[in-house]
Full PDB file with SEQRES, HELIX, SHEET, SSBOND, CRYST1, ORIGX, SCALE, CONECT and MASTER records, all heavy atoms in Angstrom:
SEQRES   1 A   33  ALA LYS LYS LEU GLY ALA HIS HIS PHE VAL VAL THR SER          
SEQRES   2 A   33  ASP PRO GLU GLN MET LYS ALA VAL ALA GLY THR PHE ASP          
SEQRES   3 A   33  PHE ILE LEU ASP THR VAL SER                                  
HELIX    1 AA1 PRO A   15  ALA A   20  1                                   6    
CRYST1    1.000    1.000    1.000  90.00  90.00  90.00 P 1           1          
ORIGX1      1.000000  0.000000  0.000000        0.00000                         
ORIGX2      0.000000  1.000000  0.000000        0.00000                         
ORIGX3      0.000000  0.000000  1.000000        0.00000                         
SCALE1      1.000000  0.000000  0.000000        0.00000                         
SCALE2      0.000000  1.000000  0.000000        0.00000                         
SCALE3      0.000000  0.000000  1.000000        0.00000                         
ATOM      1  N   ALA A   1      12.755  -0.120   3.007  1.00  0.00           N  
ATOM      2  CA  ALA A   1      13.051   1.315   3.046  1.00  0.00           C  
ATOM      3  C   ALA A   1      13.501   1.741   4.438  1.00  0.00           C  
ATOM      4  O   ALA A   1      14.476   2.511   4.587  1.00  0.00           O  
ATOM      5  CB  ALA A   1      11.819   2.114   2.616  1.00  0.00           C  
ATOM      6  N   LYS A   2      12.821   1.256   5.442  1.00  0.00           N  
ATOM      7  CA  LYS A   2      13.172   1.612   6.819  1.00  0.00           C  
ATOM      8  C   LYS A   2      14.536   1.023   7.210  1.00  0.00           C  
ATOM      9  O   LYS A   2      15.325   1.675   7.906  1.00  0.00           O  
ATOM     10  CB  LYS A   2      12.086   1.115   7.778  1.00  0.00           C  
ATOM     11  CG  LYS A   2      10.710   1.761   7.565  1.00  0.00           C  
ATOM     12  CD  LYS A   2      10.715   3.232   7.905  1.00  0.00           C  
ATOM     13  CE  LYS A   2       9.343   3.879   7.719  1.00  0.00           C  
ATOM     14  NZ  LYS A   2       8.283   3.333   8.585  1.00  0.00           N  
ATOM     15  N   LYS A   3      14.834  -0.196   6.734  1.00  0.00           N  
ATOM     16  CA  LYS A   3      16.134  -0.804   7.013  1.00  0.00           C  
ATOM     17  C   LYS A   3      17.271  -0.002   6.391  1.00  0.00           C  
ATOM     18  O   LYS A   3      18.373   0.072   6.933  1.00  0.00           O  
ATOM     19  CB  LYS A   3      16.166  -2.248   6.502  1.00  0.00           C  
ATOM     20  CG  LYS A   3      15.372  -3.233   7.340  1.00  0.00           C  
ATOM     21  CD  LYS A   3      15.463  -4.635   6.760  1.00  0.00           C  
ATOM     22  CE  LYS A   3      14.685  -5.633   7.601  1.00  0.00           C  
ATOM     23  NZ  LYS A   3      14.733  -7.000   7.009  1.00  0.00           N  
ATOM     24  N   LEU A   4      16.990   0.598   5.223  1.00  0.00           N  
ATOM     25  CA  LEU A   4      17.999   1.407   4.542  1.00  0.00           C  
ATOM     26  C   LEU A   4      18.201   2.765   5.204  1.00  0.00           C  
ATOM     27  O   LEU A   4      19.139   3.487   4.872  1.00  0.00           O  
ATOM     28  CB  LEU A   4      17.608   1.607   3.076  1.00  0.00           C  
ATOM     29  CG  LEU A   4      17.700   0.361   2.189  1.00  0.00           C  
ATOM     30  CD1 LEU A   4      16.953   0.587   0.875  1.00  0.00           C  
ATOM     31  CD2 LEU A   4      19.157   0.006   1.908  1.00  0.00           C  
ATOM     32  N   GLY A   5      17.295   3.112   6.130  1.00  0.00           N  
ATOM     33  CA  GLY A   5      17.437   4.365   6.867  1.00  0.00           C  
ATOM     34  C   GLY A   5      16.352   5.386   6.616  1.00  0.00           C  
ATOM     35  O   GLY A   5      16.352   6.458   7.237  1.00  0.00           O  
ATOM     36  N   ALA A   6      15.404   5.091   5.706  1.00  0.00           N  
ATOM     37  CA  ALA A   6      14.330   6.043   5.434  1.00  0.00           C  
ATOM     38  C   ALA A   6      13.510   6.289   6.693  1.00  0.00           C  
ATOM     39  O   ALA A   6      13.216   5.368   7.464  1.00  0.00           O  
ATOM     40  CB  ALA A   6      13.433   5.523   4.318  1.00  0.00           C  
ATOM     41  N   HIS A   7      13.120   7.545   6.881  1.00  0.00           N  
ATOM     42  CA  HIS A   7      12.341   7.910   8.067  1.00  0.00           C  
ATOM     43  C   HIS A   7      10.844   7.677   7.868  1.00  0.00           C  
ATOM     44  O   HIS A   7      10.118   7.423   8.830  1.00  0.00           O  
ATOM     45  CB  HIS A   7      12.586   9.388   8.402  1.00  0.00           C  
ATOM     46  CG  HIS A   7      14.029   9.718   8.606  1.00  0.00           C  
ATOM     47  ND1 HIS A   7      14.830  10.238   7.611  1.00  0.00           N  
ATOM     48  CD2 HIS A   7      14.834   9.574   9.695  1.00  0.00           C  
ATOM     49  CE1 HIS A   7      16.053  10.420   8.078  1.00  0.00           C  
ATOM     50  NE2 HIS A   7      16.085  10.034   9.334  1.00  0.00           N  
ATOM     51  N   HIS A   8      10.394   7.764   6.616  1.00  0.00           N  
ATOM     52  CA  HIS A   8       8.966   7.621   6.324  1.00  0.00           C  
ATOM     53  C   HIS A   8       8.789   6.879   5.012  1.00  0.00           C  
ATOM     54  O   HIS A   8       9.703   6.807   4.182  1.00  0.00           O  
ATOM     55  CB  HIS A   8       8.286   8.999   6.208  1.00  0.00           C  
ATOM     56  CG  HIS A   8       8.612   9.937   7.328  1.00  0.00           C  
ATOM     57  ND1 HIS A   8       8.096   9.795   8.604  1.00  0.00           N  
ATOM     58  CD2 HIS A   8       9.422  11.026   7.375  1.00  0.00           C  
ATOM     59  CE1 HIS A   8       8.563  10.761   9.380  1.00  0.00           C  
ATOM     60  NE2 HIS A   8       9.368  11.524   8.657  1.00  0.00           N  
ATOM     61  N   PHE A   9       7.580   6.354   4.812  1.00  0.00           N  
ATOM     62  CA  PHE A   9       7.251   5.602   3.596  1.00  0.00           C  
ATOM     63  C   PHE A   9       5.827   5.937   3.180  1.00  0.00           C  
ATOM     64  O   PHE A   9       4.916   5.956   4.018  1.00  0.00           O  
ATOM     65  CB  PHE A   9       7.382   4.098   3.856  1.00  0.00           C  
ATOM     66  CG  PHE A   9       7.226   3.235   2.644  1.00  0.00           C  
ATOM     67  CD1 PHE A   9       8.318   2.913   1.850  1.00  0.00           C  
ATOM     68  CD2 PHE A   9       5.976   2.732   2.281  1.00  0.00           C  
ATOM     69  CE1 PHE A   9       8.180   2.113   0.719  1.00  0.00           C  
ATOM     70  CE2 PHE A   9       5.829   1.937   1.162  1.00  0.00           C  
ATOM     71  CZ  PHE A   9       6.932   1.624   0.379  1.00  0.00           C  
ATOM     72  N   VAL A  10       5.651   6.220   1.900  1.00  0.00           N  
ATOM     73  CA  VAL A  10       4.333   6.557   1.372  1.00  0.00           C  
ATOM     74  C   VAL A  10       4.028   5.667   0.174  1.00  0.00           C  
ATOM     75  O   VAL A  10       4.838   5.552  -0.754  1.00  0.00           O  
ATOM     76  CB  VAL A  10       4.278   8.043   0.934  1.00  0.00           C  
ATOM     77  CG1 VAL A  10       2.985   8.344   0.179  1.00  0.00           C  
ATOM     78  CG2 VAL A  10       4.403   8.951   2.154  1.00  0.00           C  
ATOM     79  N   VAL A  11       2.861   5.049   0.203  1.00  0.00           N  
ATOM     80  CA  VAL A  11       2.385   4.250  -0.931  1.00  0.00           C  
ATOM     81  C   VAL A  11       1.675   5.198  -1.895  1.00  0.00           C  
ATOM     82  O   VAL A  11       0.635   5.777  -1.560  1.00  0.00           O  
ATOM     83  CB  VAL A  11       1.428   3.132  -0.472  1.00  0.00           C  
ATOM     84  CG1 VAL A  11       0.938   2.318  -1.674  1.00  0.00           C  
ATOM     85  CG2 VAL A  11       2.118   2.218   0.544  1.00  0.00           C  
ATOM     86  N   THR A  12       2.226   5.378  -3.074  1.00  0.00           N  
ATOM     87  CA  THR A  12       1.727   6.410  -3.985  1.00  0.00           C  
ATOM     88  C   THR A  12       0.359   6.092  -4.579  1.00  0.00           C  
ATOM     89  O   THR A  12      -0.312   6.984  -5.095  1.00  0.00           O  
ATOM     90  CB  THR A  12       2.732   6.637  -5.132  1.00  0.00           C  
ATOM     91  OG1 THR A  12       2.987   5.390  -5.794  1.00  0.00           O  
ATOM     92  CG2 THR A  12       4.042   7.196  -4.586  1.00  0.00           C  
ATOM     93  N   SER A  13      -0.057   4.837  -4.501  1.00  0.00           N  
ATOM     94  CA  SER A  13      -1.387   4.469  -5.013  1.00  0.00           C  
ATOM     95  C   SER A  13      -2.489   4.718  -3.990  1.00  0.00           C  
ATOM     96  O   SER A  13      -3.669   4.548  -4.289  1.00  0.00           O  
ATOM     97  CB  SER A  13      -1.396   3.001  -5.438  1.00  0.00           C  
ATOM     98  OG  SER A  13      -1.030   2.160  -4.343  1.00  0.00           O  
ATOM     99  N   ASP A  14      -2.116   5.153  -2.793  1.00  0.00           N  
ATOM    100  CA  ASP A  14      -3.086   5.433  -1.731  1.00  0.00           C  
ATOM    101  C   ASP A  14      -3.353   6.941  -1.694  1.00  0.00           C  
ATOM    102  O   ASP A  14      -2.497   7.720  -1.240  1.00  0.00           O  
ATOM    103  CB  ASP A  14      -2.525   4.964  -0.388  1.00  0.00           C  
ATOM    104  CG  ASP A  14      -3.518   5.126   0.767  1.00  0.00           C  
ATOM    105  OD1 ASP A  14      -4.374   6.044   0.704  1.00  0.00           O  
ATOM    106  OD2 ASP A  14      -3.432   4.354   1.738  1.00  0.00           O  
ATOM    107  N   PRO A  15      -4.516   7.388  -2.150  1.00  0.00           N  
ATOM    108  CA  PRO A  15      -4.817   8.828  -2.217  1.00  0.00           C  
ATOM    109  C   PRO A  15      -4.691   9.536  -0.874  1.00  0.00           C  
ATOM    110  O   PRO A  15      -4.244  10.694  -0.817  1.00  0.00           O  
ATOM    111  CB  PRO A  15      -6.263   8.869  -2.733  1.00  0.00           C  
ATOM    112  CG  PRO A  15      -6.458   7.572  -3.432  1.00  0.00           C  
ATOM    113  CD  PRO A  15      -5.641   6.583  -2.677  1.00  0.00           C  
ATOM    114  N   GLU A  16      -5.063   8.881   0.201  1.00  0.00           N  
ATOM    115  CA  GLU A  16      -4.990   9.517   1.516  1.00  0.00           C  
ATOM    116  C   GLU A  16      -3.546   9.752   1.954  1.00  0.00           C  
ATOM    117  O   GLU A  16      -3.217  10.804   2.517  1.00  0.00           O  
ATOM    118  CB  GLU A  16      -5.744   8.666   2.559  1.00  0.00           C  
ATOM    119  CG  GLU A  16      -7.256   8.658   2.367  1.00  0.00           C  
ATOM    120  CD  GLU A  16      -7.829  10.067   2.396  1.00  0.00           C  
ATOM    121  OE1 GLU A  16      -7.483  10.840   3.307  1.00  0.00           O  
ATOM    122  OE2 GLU A  16      -8.629  10.395   1.492  1.00  0.00           O  
ATOM    123  N   GLN A  17      -2.696   8.764   1.697  1.00  0.00           N  
ATOM    124  CA  GLN A  17      -1.283   8.940   2.044  1.00  0.00           C  
ATOM    125  C   GLN A  17      -0.648  10.053   1.213  1.00  0.00           C  
ATOM    126  O   GLN A  17       0.150  10.846   1.727  1.00  0.00           O  
ATOM    127  CB  GLN A  17      -0.508   7.624   1.834  1.00  0.00           C  
ATOM    128  CG  GLN A  17      -0.849   6.527   2.839  1.00  0.00           C  
ATOM    129  CD  GLN A  17       0.107   5.348   2.752  1.00  0.00           C  
ATOM    130  OE1 GLN A  17       1.319   5.517   2.606  1.00  0.00           O  
ATOM    131  NE2 GLN A  17      -0.441   4.135   2.833  1.00  0.00           N  
ATOM    132  N   MET A  18      -1.005  10.116  -0.060  1.00  0.00           N  
ATOM    133  CA  MET A  18      -0.449  11.163  -0.922  1.00  0.00           C  
ATOM    134  C   MET A  18      -0.958  12.545  -0.509  1.00  0.00           C  
ATOM    135  O   MET A  18      -0.205  13.523  -0.505  1.00  0.00           O  
ATOM    136  CB  MET A  18      -0.795  10.877  -2.379  1.00  0.00           C  
ATOM    137  CG  MET A  18      -0.059   9.677  -2.959  1.00  0.00           C  
ATOM    138  SD  MET A  18       1.720   9.968  -3.144  1.00  0.00           S  
ATOM    139  CE  MET A  18       1.726  10.887  -4.689  1.00  0.00           C  
ATOM    140  N   LYS A  19      -2.228  12.627  -0.132  1.00  0.00           N  
ATOM    141  CA  LYS A  19      -2.802  13.895   0.312  1.00  0.00           C  
ATOM    142  C   LYS A  19      -2.104  14.405   1.563  1.00  0.00           C  
ATOM    143  O   LYS A  19      -1.878  15.616   1.729  1.00  0.00           O  
ATOM    144  CB  LYS A  19      -4.302  13.718   0.578  1.00  0.00           C  
ATOM    145  CG  LYS A  19      -5.025  14.996   0.970  1.00  0.00           C  
ATOM    146  CD  LYS A  19      -6.510  14.723   1.186  1.00  0.00           C  
ATOM    147  CE  LYS A  19      -7.245  15.993   1.607  1.00  0.00           C  
ATOM    148  NZ  LYS A  19      -8.694  15.724   1.823  1.00  0.00           N  
ATOM    149  N   ALA A  20      -1.719  13.455   2.430  1.00  0.00           N  
ATOM    150  CA  ALA A  20      -1.099  13.822   3.697  1.00  0.00           C  
ATOM    151  C   ALA A  20       0.288  14.450   3.511  1.00  0.00           C  
ATOM    152  O   ALA A  20       0.747  15.199   4.375  1.00  0.00           O  
ATOM    153  CB  ALA A  20      -0.995  12.599   4.608  1.00  0.00           C  
ATOM    154  N   VAL A  21       0.950  14.168   2.377  1.00  0.00           N  
ATOM    155  CA  VAL A  21       2.296  14.715   2.167  1.00  0.00           C  
ATOM    156  C   VAL A  21       2.324  15.790   1.077  1.00  0.00           C  
ATOM    157  O   VAL A  21       3.408  16.258   0.685  1.00  0.00           O  
ATOM    158  CB  VAL A  21       3.319  13.602   1.824  1.00  0.00           C  
ATOM    159  CG1 VAL A  21       3.512  12.682   3.017  1.00  0.00           C  
ATOM    160  CG2 VAL A  21       2.905  12.818   0.586  1.00  0.00           C  
ATOM    161  N   ALA A  22       1.163  16.213   0.623  1.00  0.00           N  
ATOM    162  CA  ALA A  22       1.108  17.269  -0.396  1.00  0.00           C  
ATOM    163  C   ALA A  22       1.763  18.543   0.125  1.00  0.00           C  
ATOM    164  O   ALA A  22       1.514  18.978   1.256  1.00  0.00           O  
ATOM    165  CB  ALA A  22      -0.334  17.540  -0.807  1.00  0.00           C  
ATOM    166  N   GLY A  23       2.631  19.150  -0.688  1.00  0.00           N  
ATOM    167  CA  GLY A  23       3.264  20.416  -0.326  1.00  0.00           C  
ATOM    168  C   GLY A  23       4.246  20.346   0.822  1.00  0.00           C  
ATOM    169  O   GLY A  23       4.480  21.360   1.492  1.00  0.00           O  
ATOM    170  N   THR A  24       4.870  19.174   1.039  1.00  0.00           N  
ATOM    171  CA  THR A  24       5.716  19.025   2.233  1.00  0.00           C  
ATOM    172  C   THR A  24       7.207  18.857   1.949  1.00  0.00           C  
ATOM    173  O   THR A  24       8.024  18.968   2.864  1.00  0.00           O  
ATOM    174  CB  THR A  24       5.266  17.816   3.082  1.00  0.00           C  
ATOM    175  OG1 THR A  24       5.414  16.617   2.318  1.00  0.00           O  
ATOM    176  CG2 THR A  24       3.816  17.962   3.519  1.00  0.00           C  
ATOM    177  N   PHE A  25       7.594  18.600   0.698  1.00  0.00           N  
ATOM    178  CA  PHE A  25       8.987  18.267   0.419  1.00  0.00           C  
ATOM    179  C   PHE A  25       9.758  19.435  -0.184  1.00  0.00           C  
ATOM    180  O   PHE A  25       9.259  20.146  -1.050  1.00  0.00           O  
ATOM    181  CB  PHE A  25       9.084  17.057  -0.517  1.00  0.00           C  
ATOM    182  CG  PHE A  25       8.494  15.798   0.060  1.00  0.00           C  
ATOM    183  CD1 PHE A  25       7.376  15.206  -0.517  1.00  0.00           C  
ATOM    184  CD2 PHE A  25       9.042  15.212   1.187  1.00  0.00           C  
ATOM    185  CE1 PHE A  25       6.822  14.051   0.007  1.00  0.00           C  
ATOM    186  CE2 PHE A  25       8.502  14.056   1.727  1.00  0.00           C  
ATOM    187  CZ  PHE A  25       7.385  13.475   1.141  1.00  0.00           C  
ATOM    188  N   ASP A  26      10.996  19.576   0.261  1.00  0.00           N  
ATOM    189  CA  ASP A  26      11.904  20.563  -0.331  1.00  0.00           C  
ATOM    190  C   ASP A  26      12.474  20.066  -1.651  1.00  0.00           C  
ATOM    191  O   ASP A  26      12.783  20.861  -2.548  1.00  0.00           O  
ATOM    192  CB  ASP A  26      13.089  20.833   0.610  1.00  0.00           C  
ATOM    193  CG  ASP A  26      12.648  21.370   1.949  1.00  0.00           C  
ATOM    194  OD1 ASP A  26      12.185  22.523   1.995  1.00  0.00           O  
ATOM    195  OD2 ASP A  26      12.763  20.630   2.950  1.00  0.00           O  
ATOM    196  N   PHE A  27      12.607  18.743  -1.767  1.00  0.00           N  
ATOM    197  CA  PHE A  27      13.352  18.158  -2.878  1.00  0.00           C  
ATOM    198  C   PHE A  27      12.835  16.741  -3.123  1.00  0.00           C  
ATOM    199  O   PHE A  27      12.590  15.985  -2.179  1.00  0.00           O  
ATOM    200  CB  PHE A  27      14.835  18.121  -2.507  1.00  0.00           C  
ATOM    201  CG  PHE A  27      15.770  17.603  -3.559  1.00  0.00           C  
ATOM    202  CD1 PHE A  27      16.349  18.465  -4.487  1.00  0.00           C  
ATOM    203  CD2 PHE A  27      16.105  16.251  -3.615  1.00  0.00           C  
ATOM    204  CE1 PHE A  27      17.235  17.989  -5.443  1.00  0.00           C  
ATOM    205  CE2 PHE A  27      16.984  15.768  -4.564  1.00  0.00           C  
ATOM    206  CZ  PHE A  27      17.545  16.650  -5.485  1.00  0.00           C  
ATOM    207  N   ILE A  28      12.665  16.392  -4.385  1.00  0.00           N  
ATOM    208  CA  ILE A  28      12.279  15.035  -4.763  1.00  0.00           C  
ATOM    209  C   ILE A  28      13.317  14.489  -5.729  1.00  0.00           C  
ATOM    210  O   ILE A  28      13.622  15.109  -6.747  1.00  0.00           O  
ATOM    211  CB  ILE A  28      10.882  14.993  -5.406  1.00  0.00           C  
ATOM    212  CG1 ILE A  28       9.814  15.424  -4.395  1.00  0.00           C  
ATOM    213  CG2 ILE A  28      10.573  13.590  -5.939  1.00  0.00           C  
ATOM    214  CD1 ILE A  28       8.410  15.516  -4.978  1.00  0.00           C  
ATOM    215  N   LEU A  29      13.858  13.323  -5.409  1.00  0.00           N  
ATOM    216  CA  LEU A  29      14.792  12.621  -6.288  1.00  0.00           C  
ATOM    217  C   LEU A  29      14.018  11.487  -6.960  1.00  0.00           C  
ATOM    218  O   LEU A  29      13.635  10.509  -6.319  1.00  0.00           O  
ATOM    219  CB  LEU A  29      15.960  12.062  -5.479  1.00  0.00           C  
ATOM    220  CG  LEU A  29      17.046  11.344  -6.280  1.00  0.00           C  
ATOM    221  CD1 LEU A  29      17.792  12.318  -7.188  1.00  0.00           C  
ATOM    222  CD2 LEU A  29      18.032  10.634  -5.339  1.00  0.00           C  
ATOM    223  N   ASP A  30      13.797  11.629  -8.257  1.00  0.00           N  
ATOM    224  CA  ASP A  30      12.964  10.693  -9.017  1.00  0.00           C  
ATOM    225  C   ASP A  30      13.855   9.722  -9.768  1.00  0.00           C  
ATOM    226  O   ASP A  30      14.520  10.091 -10.738  1.00  0.00           O  
ATOM    227  CB  ASP A  30      12.083  11.489  -9.984  1.00  0.00           C  
ATOM    228  CG  ASP A  30      11.041  10.632 -10.679  1.00  0.00           C  
ATOM    229  OD1 ASP A  30      11.204   9.398 -10.710  1.00  0.00           O  
ATOM    230  OD2 ASP A  30      10.080  11.202 -11.215  1.00  0.00           O  
ATOM    231  N   THR A  31      13.875   8.472  -9.323  1.00  0.00           N  
ATOM    232  CA  THR A  31      14.777   7.467  -9.894  1.00  0.00           C  
ATOM    233  C   THR A  31      14.080   6.512 -10.850  1.00  0.00           C  
ATOM    234  O   THR A  31      14.707   5.574 -11.356  1.00  0.00           O  
ATOM    235  CB  THR A  31      15.423   6.635  -8.769  1.00  0.00           C  
ATOM    236  OG1 THR A  31      14.437   5.769  -8.180  1.00  0.00           O  
ATOM    237  CG2 THR A  31      16.023   7.529  -7.691  1.00  0.00           C  
ATOM    238  N   VAL A  32      12.798   6.736 -11.135  1.00  0.00           N  
ATOM    239  CA  VAL A  32      11.991   5.760 -11.868  1.00  0.00           C  
ATOM    240  C   VAL A  32      12.182   5.891 -13.376  1.00  0.00           C  
ATOM    241  O   VAL A  32      12.099   6.988 -13.932  1.00  0.00           O  
ATOM    242  CB  VAL A  32      10.504   5.918 -11.494  1.00  0.00           C  
ATOM    243  CG1 VAL A  32       9.624   4.996 -12.335  1.00  0.00           C  
ATOM    244  CG2 VAL A  32      10.309   5.630 -10.002  1.00  0.00           C  
ATOM    245  N   SER A  33      12.400   4.762 -14.034  1.00  0.00           N  
ATOM    246  CA  SER A  33      12.559   4.742 -15.490  1.00  0.00           C  
ATOM    247  C   SER A  33      11.286   4.306 -16.213  1.00  0.00           C  
ATOM    248  O   SER A  33      11.228   4.358 -17.443  1.00  0.00           O  
ATOM    249  CB  SER A  33      13.710   3.810 -15.891  1.00  0.00           C  
ATOM    250  OG  SER A  33      14.952   4.365 -15.513  1.00  0.00           O  
TER     251      SER A  33                                                      
MASTER        0    0    0    1    0    0    0    6  250    1    0    3          
END                                                                             
């Protein structure tokens, strides 16, 4: 992700990481099938 240019990375199975980004995004692009 970082090589592709992403500034940050969050592991969604980690409750603490998810809590830290709650209410922070303007836009989410969901590509998962």
